[in-house]
Amino acid sequence: MPRDLFFYGTLRHLPLLEIVMGAVPGDLDISQDALADHAVLSVREGPFPMVEARPGAWAAGVLVRGLTPGHIARLDFY
């Protein structure tokens, strides 16, 4: 069953996302999106982001629709 996932961190970078997914440019159904009432923040312990519930804020990211079990397996490995 295909799944839709929202990415707010490093996987927003489309060339990286396509490599992780094993896709060629244009292969994935990707759109710019935002998650309401959430904010993307940097983490003190490292160079990566986290998402936190925050009323009134918007977390920018990308929505990827129709991911297959193969895509999900590649994400799990990543």
Protein backbone atom coordinates (compact mmCIF):
# COMPACT_ATOMS: atom_id res chain seq x y z
CA MET A 1 0.00 0.00 0.00
CA PRO A 2 1.52 3.39 -0.99
CA ARG A 3 2.29 5.85 1.80
CA ASP A 4 2.64 9.62 1.98
CA LEU A 5 5.37 11.13 4.18
CA PHE A 6 6.35 14.67 5.19
CA PHE A 7 10.07 15.53 5.40
CA TYR A 8 11.26 18.62 7.27
CA GLY A 9 15.02 18.10 7.59
CA THR A 10 17.89 17.05 5.38
CA LEU A 11 15.62 14.98 3.14
CA ARG A 12 14.04 18.25 1.93
CA HIS A 13 17.11 18.50 -0.29
CA LEU A 14 15.69 16.84 -3.40
CA PRO A 15 18.96 15.40 -4.79
CA LEU A 16 19.58 13.64 -1.45
CA LEU A 17 15.97 12.43 -1.25
CA GLU A 18 16.17 11.00 -4.76
CA ILE A 19 19.43 9.18 -3.95
CA VAL A 20 18.00 7.71 -0.74
CA MET A 21 14.85 6.61 -2.58
CA GLY A 22 16.77 5.24 -5.57
CA ALA A 23 14.73 7.50 -7.85
CA VAL A 24 15.61 9.61 -10.86
CA PRO A 25 14.63 13.30 -10.91
CA GLY A 26 10.91 13.66 -11.52
CA ASP A 27 10.16 10.07 -10.46
CA LEU A 28 8.64 11.00 -7.09
CA ASP A 29 5.41 12.90 -6.41
CA ILE A 30 6.90 15.76 -4.35
CA SER A 31 5.31 19.05 -3.34
CA GLN A 32 6.36 21.87 -1.04
CA ASP A 33 4.25 21.79 2.12
CA ALA A 34 4.17 22.94 5.73
CA LEU A 35 3.10 21.28 8.96
CA ALA A 36 0.78 23.51 10.98
CA ASP A 37 1.44 24.14 14.66
CA HIS A 38 5.00 22.79 14.47
CA ALA A 39 8.44 24.39 14.26
CA VAL A 40 11.77 23.08 12.96
CA LEU A 41 14.61 23.74 15.40
CA SER A 42 18.32 22.96 15.45
CA VAL A 43 19.60 20.45 17.96
CA ARG A 44 22.37 21.45 20.35
CA GLU A 45 24.02 18.01 20.14
CA GLY A 46 24.57 17.98 16.39
CA PRO A 47 24.05 19.44 12.95
CA PHE A 48 20.55 18.11 12.40
CA PRO A 49 17.02 19.42 12.89
CA MET A 50 14.11 18.34 15.03
CA VAL A 51 10.42 19.15 14.83
CA GLU A 52 8.48 20.35 17.86
CA ALA A 53 4.80 21.08 18.41
CA ARG A 54 4.43 24.87 18.63
CA PRO A 55 0.97 26.48 18.32
CA GLY A 56 0.82 29.07 15.56
CA ALA A 57 4.10 28.02 13.93
CA TRP A 58 4.63 26.34 10.55
CA ALA A 59 7.32 23.75 9.78
CA ALA A 60 8.38 23.99 6.12
CA GLY A 61 9.07 20.76 4.30
CA VAL A 62 8.11 18.53 1.41
CA LEU A 63 5.28 16.05 1.08
CA VAL A 64 6.09 12.91 -0.88
CA ARG A 65 3.10 10.90 -2.04
CA GLY A 66 2.81 7.29 -3.12
CA LEU A 67 5.92 5.81 -1.51
CA THR A 68 6.24 2.07 -2.05
CA PRO A 69 7.43 -0.55 0.45
CA GLY A 70 10.77 -0.43 -1.42
CA HIS A 71 11.06 3.31 -0.78
CA ILE A 72 10.22 2.78 2.91
CA ALA A 73 12.88 0.05 3.17
CA ARG A 74 15.47 2.44 1.70
CA LEU A 75 14.43 5.13 4.21
CA ASP A 76 14.76 2.63 7.06
CA PHE A 77 18.28 1.78 5.87
CA TYR A 78 19.20 5.46 5.56
